[in-house]
Each structure stands twice: as C-alpha cells, then as structure tokens.
Amino acid sequence: MSNDALTIPADLTSCSPKAKLIYSALAMNGPLTRQQLGETLRLDPDYFDHAFNQLREADVVWSRPTSTGETLYSLR
C-alpha cells in the first residue's frame, strides 16, 4: 500500500468539505454510484447534490447512467 497522500487539485480549494471528500473517495476507489459513495463515506446520498454540482463546475467529475438506471460518477 502506498504512503503517498492524496493531493486535492487547486481548483477545489473553494469547494465544500463534502465535495473534497467525494473527490477523495473517487480518486481512491474509482467510479462509484451515489449509493456506493454513501456507503463508502457513511453519508446520506441525498446530501450529495450540492457537492456534485461543485465538482462539475470545477470540471473534475463526470457522470453516466448505468444499465441498472443508476448514475456512475468518476473523475475526469
């Protein structure tokens, strides 16, 4: 396991702590659905909208639908 610390991009310095937490989870785990992020971060998935909007505005995350109708989020 690497001891390298995750570096948050400068574009995210003005983002909320939840947005940075989501960014970190996606960086460490790869693409995840909202439900998976909620389970990984132990946060209610309903609270993610504002954080996802911040990450989209910073152009660091994108989303796509899955075959099961969920949305998969990943870093650009």
PDB file of N, CA and C in Angstrom:
ATOM      1  N   MET A   1       0.835  -1.174   0.000  1.00  0.00           N
ATOM      2  CA  MET A   1       0.000   0.000   0.000  1.00  0.00           C
ATOM      3  C   MET A   1       0.880   1.237   0.000  1.00  0.00           C
ATOM      4  N   SER A   2       0.522   2.225  -0.786  1.00  0.00           N
ATOM      5  CA  SER A   2       1.308   3.436  -0.925  1.00  0.00           C
ATOM      6  C   SER A   2       1.083   4.377   0.252  1.00  0.00           C
ATOM      7  N   ASN A   3       2.132   5.079   0.641  1.00  0.00           N
ATOM      8  CA  ASN A   3       2.030   6.078   1.694  1.00  0.00           C
ATOM      9  C   ASN A   3       1.829   7.467   1.124  1.00  0.00           C
ATOM     10  N   ASP A   4       1.692   7.580  -0.186  1.00  0.00           N
ATOM     11  CA  ASP A   4       1.508   8.878  -0.814  1.00  0.00           C
ATOM     12  C   ASP A   4       0.182   9.481  -0.389  1.00  0.00           C
ATOM     13  N   ALA A   5       0.225  10.755  -0.022  1.00  0.00           N
ATOM     14  CA  ALA A   5      -1.001  11.459   0.352  1.00  0.00           C
ATOM     15  C   ALA A   5      -1.725  11.892  -0.910  1.00  0.00           C
ATOM     16  N   LEU A   6      -3.029  11.898  -0.828  1.00  0.00           N
ATOM     17  CA  LEU A   6      -3.842  12.351  -1.943  1.00  0.00           C
ATOM     18  C   LEU A   6      -3.762  13.866  -2.013  1.00  0.00           C
ATOM     19  N   THR A   7      -3.476  14.394  -3.178  1.00  0.00           N
ATOM     20  CA  THR A   7      -3.414  15.831  -3.373  1.00  0.00           C
ATOM     21  C   THR A   7      -4.719  16.308  -3.980  1.00  0.00           C
ATOM     22  N   ILE A   8      -5.358  17.248  -3.306  1.00  0.00           N
ATOM     23  CA  ILE A   8      -6.593  17.838  -3.809  1.00  0.00           C
ATOM     24  C   ILE A   8      -6.210  18.938  -4.795  1.00  0.00           C
ATOM     25  N   PRO A   9      -6.761  18.924  -6.012  1.00  0.00           N
ATOM     26  CA  PRO A   9      -6.424  19.948  -7.003  1.00  0.00           C
ATOM     27  C   PRO A   9      -6.741  21.363  -6.510  1.00  0.00           C
ATOM     28  N   ALA A  10      -5.955  22.317  -6.950  1.00  0.00           N
ATOM     29  CA  ALA A  10      -6.159  23.711  -6.560  1.00  0.00           C
ATOM     30  C   ALA A  10      -7.550  24.205  -6.939  1.00  0.00           C
ATOM     31  N   ASP A  11      -8.126  23.659  -8.017  1.00  0.00           N
ATOM     32  CA  ASP A  11      -9.468  24.065  -8.450  1.00  0.00           C
ATOM     33  C   ASP A  11     -10.527  23.773  -7.393  1.00  0.00           C
ATOM     34  N   LEU A  12     -10.226  22.914  -6.442  1.00  0.00           N
ATOM     35  CA  LEU A  12     -11.212  22.515  -5.441  1.00  0.00           C
ATOM     36  C   LEU A  12     -11.055  23.238  -4.112  1.00  0.00           C
ATOM     37  N   THR A  13     -10.127  24.176  -4.012  1.00  0.00           N
ATOM     38  CA  THR A  13      -9.892  24.833  -2.727  1.00  0.00           C
ATOM     39  C   THR A  13     -11.121  25.572  -2.213  1.00  0.00           C
ATOM     40  N   SER A  14     -11.969  26.058  -3.094  1.00  0.00           N
ATOM     41  CA  SER A  14     -13.165  26.779  -2.647  1.00  0.00           C
ATOM     42  C   SER A  14     -14.382  25.860  -2.506  1.00  0.00           C
ATOM     43  N   CYS A  15     -14.223  24.587  -2.792  1.00  0.00           N
ATOM     44  CA  CYS A  15     -15.336  23.636  -2.680  1.00  0.00           C
ATOM     45  C   CYS A  15     -15.577  23.257  -1.220  1.00  0.00           C
ATOM     46  N   SER A  16     -16.770  22.764  -0.968  1.00  0.00           N
ATOM     47  CA  SER A  16     -17.148  22.341   0.381  1.00  0.00           C
ATOM     48  C   SER A  16     -16.347  21.112   0.810  1.00  0.00           C
ATOM     49  N   PRO A  17     -16.284  20.872   2.118  1.00  0.00           N
ATOM     50  CA  PRO A  17     -15.609  19.662   2.596  1.00  0.00           C
ATOM     51  C   PRO A  17     -16.229  18.380   2.030  1.00  0.00           C
ATOM     52  N   LYS A  18     -17.556  18.347   1.844  1.00  0.00           N
ATOM     53  CA  LYS A  18     -18.194  17.154   1.269  1.00  0.00           C
ATOM     54  C   LYS A  18     -17.732  16.928  -0.161  1.00  0.00           C
ATOM     55  N   ALA A  19     -17.588  18.002  -0.930  1.00  0.00           N
ATOM     56  CA  ALA A  19     -17.117  17.869  -2.309  1.00  0.00           C
ATOM     57  C   ALA A  19     -15.702  17.299  -2.330  1.00  0.00           C
ATOM     58  N   LYS A  20     -14.860  17.779  -1.441  1.00  0.00           N
ATOM     59  CA  LYS A  20     -13.486  17.270  -1.366  1.00  0.00           C
ATOM     60  C   LYS A  20     -13.463  15.811  -0.917  1.00  0.00           C
ATOM     61  N   LEU A  21     -14.368  15.463  -0.011  1.00  0.00           N
ATOM     62  CA  LEU A  21     -14.467  14.083   0.457  1.00  0.00           C
ATOM     63  C   LEU A  21     -14.896  13.153  -0.676  1.00  0.00           C
ATOM     64  N   ILE A  22     -15.872  13.591  -1.472  1.00  0.00           N
ATOM     65  CA  ILE A  22     -16.318  12.803  -2.623  1.00  0.00           C
ATOM     66  C   ILE A  22     -15.185  12.668  -3.636  1.00  0.00           C
ATOM     67  N   TYR A  23     -14.479  13.762  -3.908  1.00  0.00           N
ATOM     68  CA  TYR A  23     -13.339  13.716  -4.822  1.00  0.00           C
ATOM     69  C   TYR A  23     -12.331  12.666  -4.334  1.00  0.00           C
ATOM     70  N   SER A  24     -12.013  12.706  -3.044  1.00  0.00           N
ATOM     71  CA  SER A  24     -11.045  11.761  -2.476  1.00  0.00           C
ATOM     72  C   SER A  24     -11.515  10.324  -2.620  1.00  0.00           C
ATOM     73  N   ALA A  25     -12.801  10.086  -2.355  1.00  0.00           N
ATOM     74  CA  ALA A  25     -13.342   8.725  -2.470  1.00  0.00           C
ATOM     75  C   ALA A  25     -13.255   8.224  -3.904  1.00  0.00           C
ATOM     76  N   LEU A  26     -13.568   9.080  -4.864  1.00  0.00           N
ATOM     77  CA  LEU A  26     -13.486   8.680  -6.271  1.00  0.00           C
ATOM     78  C   LEU A  26     -12.032   8.463  -6.692  1.00  0.00           C
ATOM     79  N   ALA A  27     -11.122   9.280  -6.172  1.00  0.00           N
ATOM     80  CA  ALA A  27      -9.705   9.128  -6.505  1.00  0.00           C
ATOM     81  C   ALA A  27      -9.151   7.814  -5.962  1.00  0.00           C
ATOM     82  N   MET A  28      -9.600   7.416  -4.787  1.00  0.00           N
ATOM     83  CA  MET A  28      -9.077   6.197  -4.158  1.00  0.00           C
ATOM     84  C   MET A  28      -9.785   4.933  -4.621  1.00  0.00           C
ATOM     85  N   ASN A  29     -11.076   5.037  -4.983  1.00  0.00           N
ATOM     86  CA  ASN A  29     -11.872   3.846  -5.287  1.00  0.00           C
ATOM     87  C   ASN A  29     -12.262   3.692  -6.746  1.00  0.00           C
ATOM     88  N   GLY A  30     -12.086   4.727  -7.546  1.00  0.00           N
ATOM     89  CA  GLY A  30     -12.540   4.674  -8.927  1.00  0.00           C
ATOM     90  C   GLY A  30     -14.017   5.005  -9.020  1.00  0.00           C
ATOM     91  N   PRO A  31     -14.634   4.760 -10.172  1.00  0.00           N
ATOM     92  CA  PRO A  31     -16.041   5.114 -10.380  1.00  0.00           C
ATOM     93  C   PRO A  31     -16.962   4.454  -9.353  1.00  0.00           C
ATOM     94  N   LEU A  32     -17.914   5.249  -8.847  1.00  0.00           N
ATOM     95  CA  LEU A  32     -18.880   4.769  -7.862  1.00  0.00           C
ATOM     96  C   LEU A  32     -20.248   5.378  -8.135  1.00  0.00           C
ATOM     97  N   THR A  33     -21.282   4.655  -7.747  1.00  0.00           N
ATOM     98  CA  THR A  33     -22.637   5.203  -7.809  1.00  0.00           C
ATOM     99  C   THR A  33     -22.871   6.056  -6.561  1.00  0.00           C
ATOM    100  N   ARG A  34     -23.960   6.806  -6.577  1.00  0.00           N
ATOM    101  CA  ARG A  34     -24.329   7.618  -5.418  1.00  0.00           C
ATOM    102  C   ARG A  34     -24.497   6.725  -4.179  1.00  0.00           C
ATOM    103  N   GLN A  35     -25.141   5.583  -4.365  1.00  0.00           N
ATOM    104  CA  GLN A  35     -25.348   4.647  -3.254  1.00  0.00           C
ATOM    105  C   GLN A  35     -24.012   4.138  -2.712  1.00  0.00           C
ATOM    106  N   GLN A  36     -23.107   3.778  -3.613  1.00  0.00           N
ATOM    107  CA  GLN A  36     -21.791   3.292  -3.183  1.00  0.00           C
ATOM    108  C   GLN A  36     -21.010   4.381  -2.458  1.00  0.00           C
ATOM    109  N   LEU A  37     -21.107   5.614  -2.960  1.00  0.00           N
ATOM    110  CA  LEU A  37     -20.447   6.726  -2.276  1.00  0.00           C
ATOM    111  C   LEU A  37     -21.028   6.913  -0.882  1.00  0.00           C
ATOM    112  N   GLY A  38     -22.345   6.825  -0.772  1.00  0.00           N
ATOM    113  CA  GLY A  38     -22.992   6.960   0.529  1.00  0.00           C
ATOM    114  C   GLY A  38     -22.516   5.906   1.509  1.00  0.00           C
ATOM    115  N   GLU A  39     -22.392   4.666   1.021  1.00  0.00           N
ATOM    116  CA  GLU A  39     -21.918   3.575   1.878  1.00  0.00           C
ATOM    117  C   GLU A  39     -20.442   3.742   2.222  1.00  0.00           C
ATOM    118  N   THR A  40     -19.638   4.140   1.246  1.00  0.00           N
ATOM    119  CA  THR A  40     -18.205   4.320   1.462  1.00  0.00           C
ATOM    120  C   THR A  40     -17.931   5.448   2.448  1.00  0.00           C
ATOM    121  N   LEU A  41     -18.654   6.558   2.278  1.00  0.00           N
ATOM    122  CA  LEU A  41     -18.408   7.744   3.101  1.00  0.00           C
ATOM    123  C   LEU A  41     -19.296   7.814   4.335  1.00  0.00           C
ATOM    124  N   ARG A  42     -20.261   6.882   4.412  1.00  0.00           N
ATOM    125  CA  ARG A  42     -21.234   6.880   5.513  1.00  0.00           C
ATOM    126  C   ARG A  42     -21.977   8.206   5.603  1.00  0.00           C
ATOM    127  N   LEU A  43     -22.400   8.671   4.443  1.00  0.00           N
ATOM    128  CA  LEU A  43     -23.193   9.891   4.334  1.00  0.00           C
ATOM    129  C   LEU A  43     -24.490   9.562   3.628  1.00  0.00           C
ATOM    130  N   ASP A  44     -25.521  10.308   3.920  1.00  0.00           N
ATOM    131  CA  ASP A  44     -26.803  10.147   3.242  1.00  0.00           C
ATOM    132  C   ASP A  44     -26.644  10.618   1.798  1.00  0.00           C
ATOM    133  N   PRO A  45     -26.888   9.749   0.819  1.00  0.00           N
ATOM    134  CA  PRO A  45     -26.728  10.131  -0.588  1.00  0.00           C
ATOM    135  C   PRO A  45     -27.560  11.347  -0.996  1.00  0.00           C
ATOM    136  N   ASP A  46     -28.634  11.647  -0.276  1.00  0.00           N
ATOM    137  CA  ASP A  46     -29.457  12.808  -0.611  1.00  0.00           C
ATOM    138  C   ASP A  46     -28.712  14.130  -0.418  1.00  0.00           C
ATOM    139  N   TYR A  47     -27.639  14.133   0.329  1.00  0.00           N
ATOM    140  CA  TYR A  47     -26.893  15.359   0.591  1.00  0.00           C
ATOM    141  C   TYR A  47     -25.798  15.632  -0.440  1.00  0.00           C
ATOM    142  N   PHE A  48     -25.694  14.803  -1.471  1.00  0.00           N
ATOM    143  CA  PHE A  48     -24.593  14.923  -2.414  1.00  0.00           C
ATOM    144  C   PHE A  48     -24.798  15.949  -3.530  1.00  0.00           C
ATOM    145  N   ASP A  49     -26.016  16.353  -3.806  1.00  0.00           N
ATOM    146  CA  ASP A  49     -26.279  17.204  -4.969  1.00  0.00           C
ATOM    147  C   ASP A  49     -25.405  18.452  -5.018  1.00  0.00           C
ATOM    148  N   HIS A  50     -25.340  19.200  -3.942  1.00  0.00           N
ATOM    149  CA  HIS A  50     -24.542  20.429  -3.925  1.00  0.00           C
ATOM    150  C   HIS A  50     -23.062  20.117  -4.164  1.00  0.00           C
ATOM    151  N   ALA A  51     -22.574  19.067  -3.521  1.00  0.00           N
ATOM    152  CA  ALA A  51     -21.166  18.698  -3.683  1.00  0.00           C
ATOM    153  C   ALA A  51     -20.866  18.280  -5.123  1.00  0.00           C
ATOM    154  N   PHE A  52     -21.768  17.484  -5.738  1.00  0.00           N
ATOM    155  CA  PHE A  52     -21.559  17.084  -7.131  1.00  0.00           C
ATOM    156  C   PHE A  52     -21.574  18.290  -8.058  1.00  0.00           C
ATOM    157  N   ASN A  53     -22.462  19.235  -7.801  1.00  0.00           N
ATOM    158  CA  ASN A  53     -22.507  20.445  -8.623  1.00  0.00           C
ATOM    159  C   ASN A  53     -21.196  21.211  -8.534  1.00  0.00           C
ATOM    160  N   GLN A  54     -20.622  21.305  -7.348  1.00  0.00           N
ATOM    161  CA  GLN A  54     -19.333  21.979  -7.194  1.00  0.00           C
ATOM    162  C   GLN A  54     -18.242  21.256  -7.977  1.00  0.00           C
ATOM    163  N   LEU A  55     -18.243  19.936  -7.923  1.00  0.00           N
ATOM    164  CA  LEU A  55     -17.232  19.159  -8.643  1.00  0.00           C
ATOM    165  C   LEU A  55     -17.422  19.270 -10.151  1.00  0.00           C
ATOM    166  N   ARG A  56     -18.665  19.315 -10.603  1.00  0.00           N
ATOM    167  CA  ARG A  56     -18.931  19.501 -12.040  1.00  0.00           C
ATOM    168  C   ARG A  56     -18.461  20.880 -12.498  1.00  0.00           C
ATOM    169  N   GLU A  57     -18.747  21.911 -11.696  1.00  0.00           N
ATOM    170  CA  GLU A  57     -18.313  23.268 -12.041  1.00  0.00           C
ATOM    171  C   GLU A  57     -16.794  23.362 -12.115  1.00  0.00           C
ATOM    172  N   ALA A  58     -16.104  22.609 -11.274  1.00  0.00           N
ATOM    173  CA  ALA A  58     -14.642  22.579 -11.298  1.00  0.00           C
ATOM    174  C   ALA A  58     -14.119  21.682 -12.421  1.00  0.00           C
ATOM    175  N   ASP A  59     -15.029  21.001 -13.114  1.00  0.00           N
ATOM    176  CA  ASP A  59     -14.715  20.132 -14.247  1.00  0.00           C
ATOM    177  C   ASP A  59     -13.764  18.993 -13.867  1.00  0.00           C
ATOM    178  N   VAL A  60     -14.012  18.402 -12.693  1.00  0.00           N
ATOM    179  CA  VAL A  60     -13.164  17.290 -12.259  1.00  0.00           C
ATOM    180  C   VAL A  60     -13.924  15.974 -12.169  1.00  0.00           C
ATOM    181  N   VAL A  61     -15.241  16.014 -12.325  1.00  0.00           N
ATOM    182  CA  VAL A  61     -16.037  14.801 -12.225  1.00  0.00           C
ATOM    183  C   VAL A  61     -17.028  14.751 -13.380  1.00  0.00           C
ATOM    184  N   TRP A  62     -17.372  13.551 -13.790  1.00  0.00           N
ATOM    185  CA  TRP A  62     -18.415  13.378 -14.800  1.00  0.00           C
ATOM    186  C   TRP A  62     -19.275  12.205 -14.388  1.00  0.00           C
ATOM    187  N   SER A  63     -20.427  12.111 -14.983  1.00  0.00           N
ATOM    188  CA  SER A  63     -21.349  11.034 -14.632  1.00  0.00           C
ATOM    189  C   SER A  63     -21.939  10.431 -15.893  1.00  0.00           C
ATOM    190  N   ARG A  64     -22.367   9.175 -15.747  1.00  0.00           N
ATOM    191  CA  ARG A  64     -23.028   8.492 -16.857  1.00  0.00           C
ATOM    192  C   ARG A  64     -23.998   7.479 -16.274  1.00  0.00           C
ATOM    193  N   PRO A  65     -25.071   7.199 -16.994  1.00  0.00           N
ATOM    194  CA  PRO A  65     -26.036   6.210 -16.499  1.00  0.00           C
ATOM    195  C   PRO A  65     -25.480   4.792 -16.650  1.00  0.00           C
ATOM    196  N   THR A  66     -25.919   3.920 -15.752  1.00  0.00           N
ATOM    197  CA  THR A  66     -25.561   2.507 -15.843  1.00  0.00           C
ATOM    198  C   THR A  66     -26.741   1.742 -16.427  1.00  0.00           C
ATOM    199  N   SER A  67     -26.536   0.491 -16.725  1.00  0.00           N
ATOM    200  CA  SER A  67     -27.611  -0.335 -17.280  1.00  0.00           C
ATOM    201  C   SER A  67     -28.723  -0.589 -16.266  1.00  0.00           C
ATOM    202  N   THR A  68     -28.444  -0.352 -14.985  1.00  0.00           N
ATOM    203  CA  THR A  68     -29.456  -0.556 -13.945  1.00  0.00           C
ATOM    204  C   THR A  68     -30.208   0.722 -13.600  1.00  0.00           C
ATOM    205  N   GLY A  69     -29.916   1.805 -14.319  1.00  0.00           N
ATOM    206  CA  GLY A  69     -30.610   3.065 -14.089  1.00  0.00           C
ATOM    207  C   GLY A  69     -29.963   3.960 -13.048  1.00  0.00           C
ATOM    208  N   GLU A  70     -28.865   3.504 -12.460  1.00  0.00           N
ATOM    209  CA  GLU A  70     -28.148   4.341 -11.505  1.00  0.00           C
ATOM    210  C   GLU A  70     -27.204   5.263 -12.267  1.00  0.00           C
ATOM    211  N   THR A  71     -26.643   6.236 -11.572  1.00  0.00           N
ATOM    212  CA  THR A  71     -25.648   7.119 -12.161  1.00  0.00           C
ATOM    213  C   THR A  71     -24.291   6.757 -11.588  1.00  0.00           C
ATOM    214  N   LEU A  72     -23.318   6.601 -12.473  1.00  0.00           N
ATOM    215  CA  LEU A  72     -21.956   6.277 -12.075  1.00  0.00           C
ATOM    216  C   LEU A  72     -21.120   7.549 -12.165  1.00  0.00           C
ATOM    217  N   TYR A  73     -20.437   7.888 -11.088  1.00  0.00           N
ATOM    218  CA  TYR A  73     -19.606   9.090 -11.033  1.00  0.00           C
ATOM    219  C   TYR A  73     -18.144   8.689 -11.083  1.00  0.00           C
ATOM    220  N   SER A  74     -17.350   9.473 -11.808  1.00  0.00           N
ATOM    221  CA  SER A  74     -15.915   9.215 -11.857  1.00  0.00           C
ATOM    222  C   SER A  74     -15.179  10.522 -12.091  1.00  0.00           C
ATOM    223  N   LEU A  75     -13.874  10.480 -11.844  1.00  0.00           N
ATOM    224  CA  LEU A  75     -13.045  11.660 -12.066  1.00  0.00           C
ATOM    225  C   LEU A  75     -12.692  11.766 -13.534  1.00  0.00           C
ATOM    226  N   ARG A  76     -12.500  12.959 -13.991  1.00  0.00           N
ATOM    227  CA  ARG A  76     -12.075  13.203 -15.376  1.00  0.00           C
ATOM    228  C   ARG A  76     -10.601  12.904 -15.516  1.00  0.00           C
TER     229      ARG A  76
END
